[in-house]
Amino acid sequence: MYDTVLLATDGSETADRAADRAIDLAATYGADLHALYVIETRTAYDNAIVDPEEVEANLRSEGREILDTVVDRAAEAGVDAETAVEEGVPADTVEAYAETHDADVIVLGRRGRSGLRRALLGSTTDALVRTSPVPVLVVGDDADDEDAAAEAASATADRE
């Protein structure tokens, strides 16, 4: 069913849960696992106070650390992972990577780390769900699971 699984991660809690799901899919189907961290270019720091090259170097380092953690977790499950740190608009970059590497599914968390940025720029998850030619598996967080359980219980009670 899946030959190539792409995990898009930003190191957030839901991305961490998505990593578990992506690793599990790759292990179950004997698929290749790719993990991608995207450095957001739309929020570049262009002023005299912050050195843009230093910011990019810090983000690249952070991305490598996050991806190294995914590689370690995948190895524990017997899965090899290929990683990449790329720059660009996250949804566009993830889509392009998926197409280039023939991904069968993109796995990512429902919410990333950016609060204000999400409000200003839109959600990477929302954009991928709307535009990706590749199926997208969205993994929620514990609160999402609790909300879904409460909604299901409420719906069951309403039918009774």
C-alpha atoms as a PDB file:
ATOM      1  CA  MET A   1       0.000   0.000   0.000  1.00  0.00           C
ATOM      2  CA  TYR A   2       2.784   2.438   0.929  1.00  0.00           C
ATOM      3  CA  ASP A   3       6.265   2.366  -0.580  1.00  0.00           C
ATOM      4  CA  THR A   4       7.349   5.831   0.573  1.00  0.00           C
ATOM      5  CA  VAL A   5       6.127   7.641   3.678  1.00  0.00           C
ATOM      6  CA  LEU A   6       6.960  11.334   4.097  1.00  0.00           C
ATOM      7  CA  LEU A   7       6.959  12.843   7.577  1.00  0.00           C
ATOM      8  CA  ALA A   8       6.833  16.633   7.645  1.00  0.00           C
ATOM      9  CA  THR A   9       7.987  17.764  11.065  1.00  0.00           C
ATOM     10  CA  ASP A  10       8.618  20.971  12.969  1.00  0.00           C
ATOM     11  CA  GLY A  11       9.449  19.322  16.292  1.00  0.00           C
ATOM     12  CA  SER A  12       6.118  20.223  17.895  1.00  0.00           C
ATOM     13  CA  GLU A  13       4.218  17.844  20.148  1.00  0.00           C
ATOM     14  CA  THR A  14       1.784  16.851  17.408  1.00  0.00           C
ATOM     15  CA  ALA A  15       4.669  16.443  14.949  1.00  0.00           C
ATOM     16  CA  ASP A  16       6.207  14.082  17.492  1.00  0.00           C
ATOM     17  CA  ARG A  17       3.006  12.021  17.489  1.00  0.00           C
ATOM     18  CA  ALA A  18       2.987  12.159  13.679  1.00  0.00           C
ATOM     19  CA  ALA A  19       6.539  10.778  13.709  1.00  0.00           C
ATOM     20  CA  ASP A  20       5.315   7.769  15.689  1.00  0.00           C
ATOM     21  CA  ARG A  21       2.569   7.187  13.115  1.00  0.00           C
ATOM     22  CA  ALA A  22       4.927   7.622  10.142  1.00  0.00           C
ATOM     23  CA  ILE A  23       7.468   5.225  11.634  1.00  0.00           C
ATOM     24  CA  ASP A  24       4.711   2.707  12.327  1.00  0.00           C
ATOM     25  CA  LEU A  25       3.427   2.960   8.736  1.00  0.00           C
ATOM     26  CA  ALA A  26       6.921   2.519   7.318  1.00  0.00           C
ATOM     27  CA  ALA A  27       7.562  -0.495   9.565  1.00  0.00           C
ATOM     28  CA  THR A  28       4.188  -2.079   8.809  1.00  0.00           C
ATOM     29  CA  TYR A  29       4.453  -1.735   5.035  1.00  0.00           C
ATOM     30  CA  GLY A  30       8.220  -2.051   4.653  1.00  0.00           C
ATOM     31  CA  ALA A  31       8.186   1.457   3.205  1.00  0.00           C
ATOM     32  CA  ASP A  32      10.969   3.986   2.870  1.00  0.00           C
ATOM     33  CA  LEU A  33      10.679   6.758   5.446  1.00  0.00           C
ATOM     34  CA  HIS A  34      11.605  10.324   4.595  1.00  0.00           C
ATOM     35  CA  ALA A  35      11.579  13.045   7.259  1.00  0.00           C
ATOM     36  CA  LEU A  36      11.532  16.685   6.196  1.00  0.00           C
ATOM     37  CA  TYR A  37      12.055  19.884   8.174  1.00  0.00           C
ATOM     38  CA  VAL A  38      11.279  23.128   6.361  1.00  0.00           C
ATOM     39  CA  ILE A  39      12.825  26.460   7.282  1.00  0.00           C
ATOM     40  CA  GLU A  40      10.074  29.028   6.765  1.00  0.00           C
ATOM     41  CA  THR A  41      11.266  31.744   4.390  1.00  0.00           C
ATOM     42  CA  ARG A  42       8.213  34.006   4.569  1.00  0.00           C
ATOM     43  CA  THR A  43       9.133  35.168   8.061  1.00  0.00           C
ATOM     44  CA  ALA A  44      12.711  36.122   7.305  1.00  0.00           C
ATOM     45  CA  TYR A  45      14.279  38.556   9.735  1.00  0.00           C
ATOM     46  CA  ASP A  46      15.440  41.517   7.698  1.00  0.00           C
ATOM     47  CA  ASN A  47      16.560  44.237  10.047  1.00  0.00           C
ATOM     48  CA  ALA A  48      19.709  45.564  11.622  1.00  0.00           C
ATOM     49  CA  ILE A  49      19.086  43.861  14.977  1.00  0.00           C
ATOM     50  CA  VAL A  50      18.919  40.222  13.898  1.00  0.00           C
ATOM     51  CA  ASP A  51      21.457  38.681  11.520  1.00  0.00           C
ATOM     52  CA  PRO A  52      19.435  36.650   8.970  1.00  0.00           C
ATOM     53  CA  GLU A  53      22.343  34.281   8.372  1.00  0.00           C
ATOM     54  CA  GLU A  54      22.579  33.543  12.087  1.00  0.00           C
ATOM     55  CA  VAL A  55      18.822  32.935  12.280  1.00  0.00           C
ATOM     56  CA  GLU A  56      18.983  30.560   9.320  1.00  0.00           C
ATOM     57  CA  ALA A  57      21.971  28.711  10.810  1.00  0.00           C
ATOM     58  CA  ASN A  58      20.105  28.322  14.105  1.00  0.00           C
ATOM     59  CA  LEU A  59      16.973  27.052  12.370  1.00  0.00           C
ATOM     60  CA  ARG A  60      19.011  24.643  10.241  1.00  0.00           C
ATOM     61  CA  SER A  61      20.723  23.317  13.386  1.00  0.00           C
ATOM     62  CA  GLU A  62      17.369  22.948  15.136  1.00  0.00           C
ATOM     63  CA  GLY A  63      16.008  21.069  12.128  1.00  0.00           C
ATOM     64  CA  ARG A  64      18.968  18.683  12.078  1.00  0.00           C
ATOM     65  CA  GLU A  65      18.470  17.930  15.806  1.00  0.00           C
ATOM     66  CA  ILE A  66      14.762  17.232  15.283  1.00  0.00           C
ATOM     67  CA  LEU A  67      15.486  14.983  12.300  1.00  0.00           C
ATOM     68  CA  ASP A  68      18.272  13.155  14.167  1.00  0.00           C
ATOM     69  CA  THR A  69      15.725  12.301  16.853  1.00  0.00           C
ATOM     70  CA  VAL A  70      13.358  10.907  14.209  1.00  0.00           C
ATOM     71  CA  VAL A  71      16.193   8.823  12.731  1.00  0.00           C
ATOM     72  CA  ASP A  72      16.993   7.383  16.180  1.00  0.00           C
ATOM     73  CA  ARG A  73      13.358   6.545  16.874  1.00  0.00           C
ATOM     74  CA  ALA A  74      12.957   4.972  13.448  1.00  0.00           C
ATOM     75  CA  ALA A  75      16.092   2.872  13.946  1.00  0.00           C
ATOM     76  CA  GLU A  76      14.632   1.528  17.198  1.00  0.00           C
ATOM     77  CA  ALA A  77      11.669   0.308  15.125  1.00  0.00           C
ATOM     78  CA  GLY A  78      13.946  -1.214  12.485  1.00  0.00           C
ATOM     79  CA  VAL A  79      13.230   1.524   9.931  1.00  0.00           C
ATOM     80  CA  ASP A  80      15.849   3.475   8.000  1.00  0.00           C
ATOM     81  CA  ALA A  81      15.030   7.145   7.519  1.00  0.00           C
ATOM     82  CA  GLU A  82      16.270   9.603   4.941  1.00  0.00           C
ATOM     83  CA  THR A  83      16.200  13.221   6.114  1.00  0.00           C
ATOM     84  CA  ALA A  84      16.305  16.672   4.573  1.00  0.00           C
ATOM     85  CA  VAL A  85      16.285  20.267   5.750  1.00  0.00           C
ATOM     86  CA  GLU A  86      14.917  22.592   3.082  1.00  0.00           C
ATOM     87  CA  GLU A  87      13.933  26.243   2.878  1.00  0.00           C
ATOM     88  CA  GLY A  88      10.700  27.659   1.524  1.00  0.00           C
ATOM     89  CA  VAL A  89       7.013  27.997   2.115  1.00  0.00           C
ATOM     90  CA  PRO A  90       6.305  24.848   4.168  1.00  0.00           C
ATOM     91  CA  ALA A  91       3.241  23.515   2.323  1.00  0.00           C
ATOM     92  CA  ASP A  92       4.776  24.137  -1.103  1.00  0.00           C
ATOM     93  CA  THR A  93       8.111  22.656  -0.061  1.00  0.00           C
ATOM     94  CA  VAL A  94       6.509  19.539   1.444  1.00  0.00           C
ATOM     95  CA  GLU A  95       4.398  19.047  -1.695  1.00  0.00           C
ATOM     96  CA  ALA A  96       7.402  19.431  -3.990  1.00  0.00           C
ATOM     97  CA  TYR A  97       9.448  17.010  -1.870  1.00  0.00           C
ATOM     98  CA  ALA A  98       6.603  14.478  -1.908  1.00  0.00           C
ATOM     99  CA  GLU A  99       6.351  14.667  -5.679  1.00  0.00           C
ATOM    100  CA  THR A 100      10.125  14.469  -6.218  1.00  0.00           C
ATOM    101  CA  HIS A 101      10.449  11.409  -3.966  1.00  0.00           C
ATOM    102  CA  ASP A 102       7.216   9.692  -5.089  1.00  0.00           C
ATOM    103  CA  ALA A 103       5.718   9.727  -1.601  1.00  0.00           C
ATOM    104  CA  ASP A 104       2.547   7.691  -1.208  1.00  0.00           C
ATOM    105  CA  VAL A 105       1.429   9.567   1.907  1.00  0.00           C
ATOM    106  CA  ILE A 106       2.393  12.695   3.818  1.00  0.00           C
ATOM    107  CA  VAL A 107       2.152  12.422   7.608  1.00  0.00           C
ATOM    108  CA  LEU A 108       2.131  15.552   9.761  1.00  0.00           C
ATOM    109  CA  GLY A 109       0.748  16.952  12.970  1.00  0.00           C
ATOM    110  CA  ARG A 110      -2.515  18.849  13.117  1.00  0.00           C
ATOM    111  CA  ARG A 111      -0.914  21.860  14.784  1.00  0.00           C
ATOM    112  CA  GLY A 112       2.651  23.068  14.618  1.00  0.00           C
ATOM    113  CA  ARG A 113       4.599  25.328  16.910  1.00  0.00           C
ATOM    114  CA  SER A 114       3.612  28.608  15.281  1.00  0.00           C
ATOM    115  CA  GLY A 115       0.676  30.352  16.916  1.00  0.00           C
ATOM    116  CA  LEU A 116       0.779  33.891  15.549  1.00  0.00           C
ATOM    117  CA  ARG A 117       2.421  32.764  12.335  1.00  0.00           C
ATOM    118  CA  ARG A 118      -0.451  30.334  11.737  1.00  0.00           C
ATOM    119  CA  ALA A 119      -2.992  33.121  12.139  1.00  0.00           C
ATOM    120  CA  LEU A 120      -1.084  35.383   9.761  1.00  0.00           C
ATOM    121  CA  LEU A 121       0.019  32.918   7.121  1.00  0.00           C
ATOM    122  CA  GLY A 122      -2.428  30.036   7.272  1.00  0.00           C
ATOM    123  CA  SER A 123      -1.850  26.500   8.382  1.00  0.00           C
ATOM    124  CA  THR A 124       0.586  24.225   6.578  1.00  0.00           C
ATOM    125  CA  THR A 125      -1.673  21.321   7.436  1.00  0.00           C
ATOM    126  CA  ASP A 126      -4.753  23.045   6.044  1.00  0.00           C
ATOM    127  CA  ALA A 127      -2.912  23.957   2.842  1.00  0.00           C
ATOM    128  CA  LEU A 128      -1.620  20.421   2.317  1.00  0.00           C
ATOM    129  CA  VAL A 129      -5.008  18.853   2.948  1.00  0.00           C
ATOM    130  CA  ARG A 130      -6.532  21.181   0.345  1.00  0.00           C
ATOM    131  CA  THR A 131      -3.872  21.057  -2.369  1.00  0.00           C
ATOM    132  CA  SER A 132      -1.669  17.980  -2.072  1.00  0.00           C
ATOM    133  CA  PRO A 133      -1.964  15.445  -4.877  1.00  0.00           C
ATOM    134  CA  VAL A 134      -0.628  12.915  -2.335  1.00  0.00           C
ATOM    135  CA  PRO A 135      -2.872  11.637   0.492  1.00  0.00           C
ATOM    136  CA  VAL A 136      -2.281  13.470   3.777  1.00  0.00           C
ATOM    137  CA  LEU A 137      -2.551  11.792   7.176  1.00  0.00           C
ATOM    138  CA  VAL A 138      -3.117  14.384   9.891  1.00  0.00           C
ATOM    139  CA  VAL A 139      -2.247  13.332  13.442  1.00  0.00           C
ATOM    140  CA  GLY A 140      -3.817  15.225  16.347  1.00  0.00           C
ATOM    141  CA  ASP A 141      -2.669  15.741  19.902  1.00  0.00           C
ATOM    142  CA  ASP A 142      -4.014  14.385  23.197  1.00  0.00           C
ATOM    143  CA  ALA A 143      -6.526  17.233  23.461  1.00  0.00           C
ATOM    144  CA  ASP A 144      -7.809  16.365  19.973  1.00  0.00           C
ATOM    145  CA  ASP A 145      -8.268  12.744  21.064  1.00  0.00           C
ATOM    146  CA  GLU A 146     -10.145  13.853  24.186  1.00  0.00           C
ATOM    147  CA  ASP A 147     -12.324  16.263  22.163  1.00  0.00           C
ATOM    148  CA  ALA A 148     -13.125  13.551  19.614  1.00  0.00           C
ATOM    149  CA  ALA A 149     -14.004  11.089  22.379  1.00  0.00           C
ATOM    150  CA  ALA A 150     -16.264  13.661  24.051  1.00  0.00           C
ATOM    151  CA  GLU A 151     -17.981  14.431  20.721  1.00  0.00           C
ATOM    152  CA  ALA A 152     -18.498  10.730  20.036  1.00  0.00           C
ATOM    153  CA  ALA A 153     -19.922  10.192  23.538  1.00  0.00           C
ATOM    154  CA  SER A 154     -22.218  13.196  23.093  1.00  0.00           C
ATOM    155  CA  ALA A 155     -23.407  11.955  19.704  1.00  0.00           C
ATOM    156  CA  THR A 156     -24.089   8.506  21.161  1.00  0.00           C
ATOM    157  CA  ALA A 157     -26.036  10.012  24.061  1.00  0.00           C
ATOM    158  CA  ASP A 158     -28.083  12.173  21.671  1.00  0.00           C
ATOM    159  CA  ARG A 159     -29.130   9.079  19.671  1.00  0.00           C
ATOM    160  CA  GLU A 160     -30.269   7.178  22.764  1.00  0.00           C
END
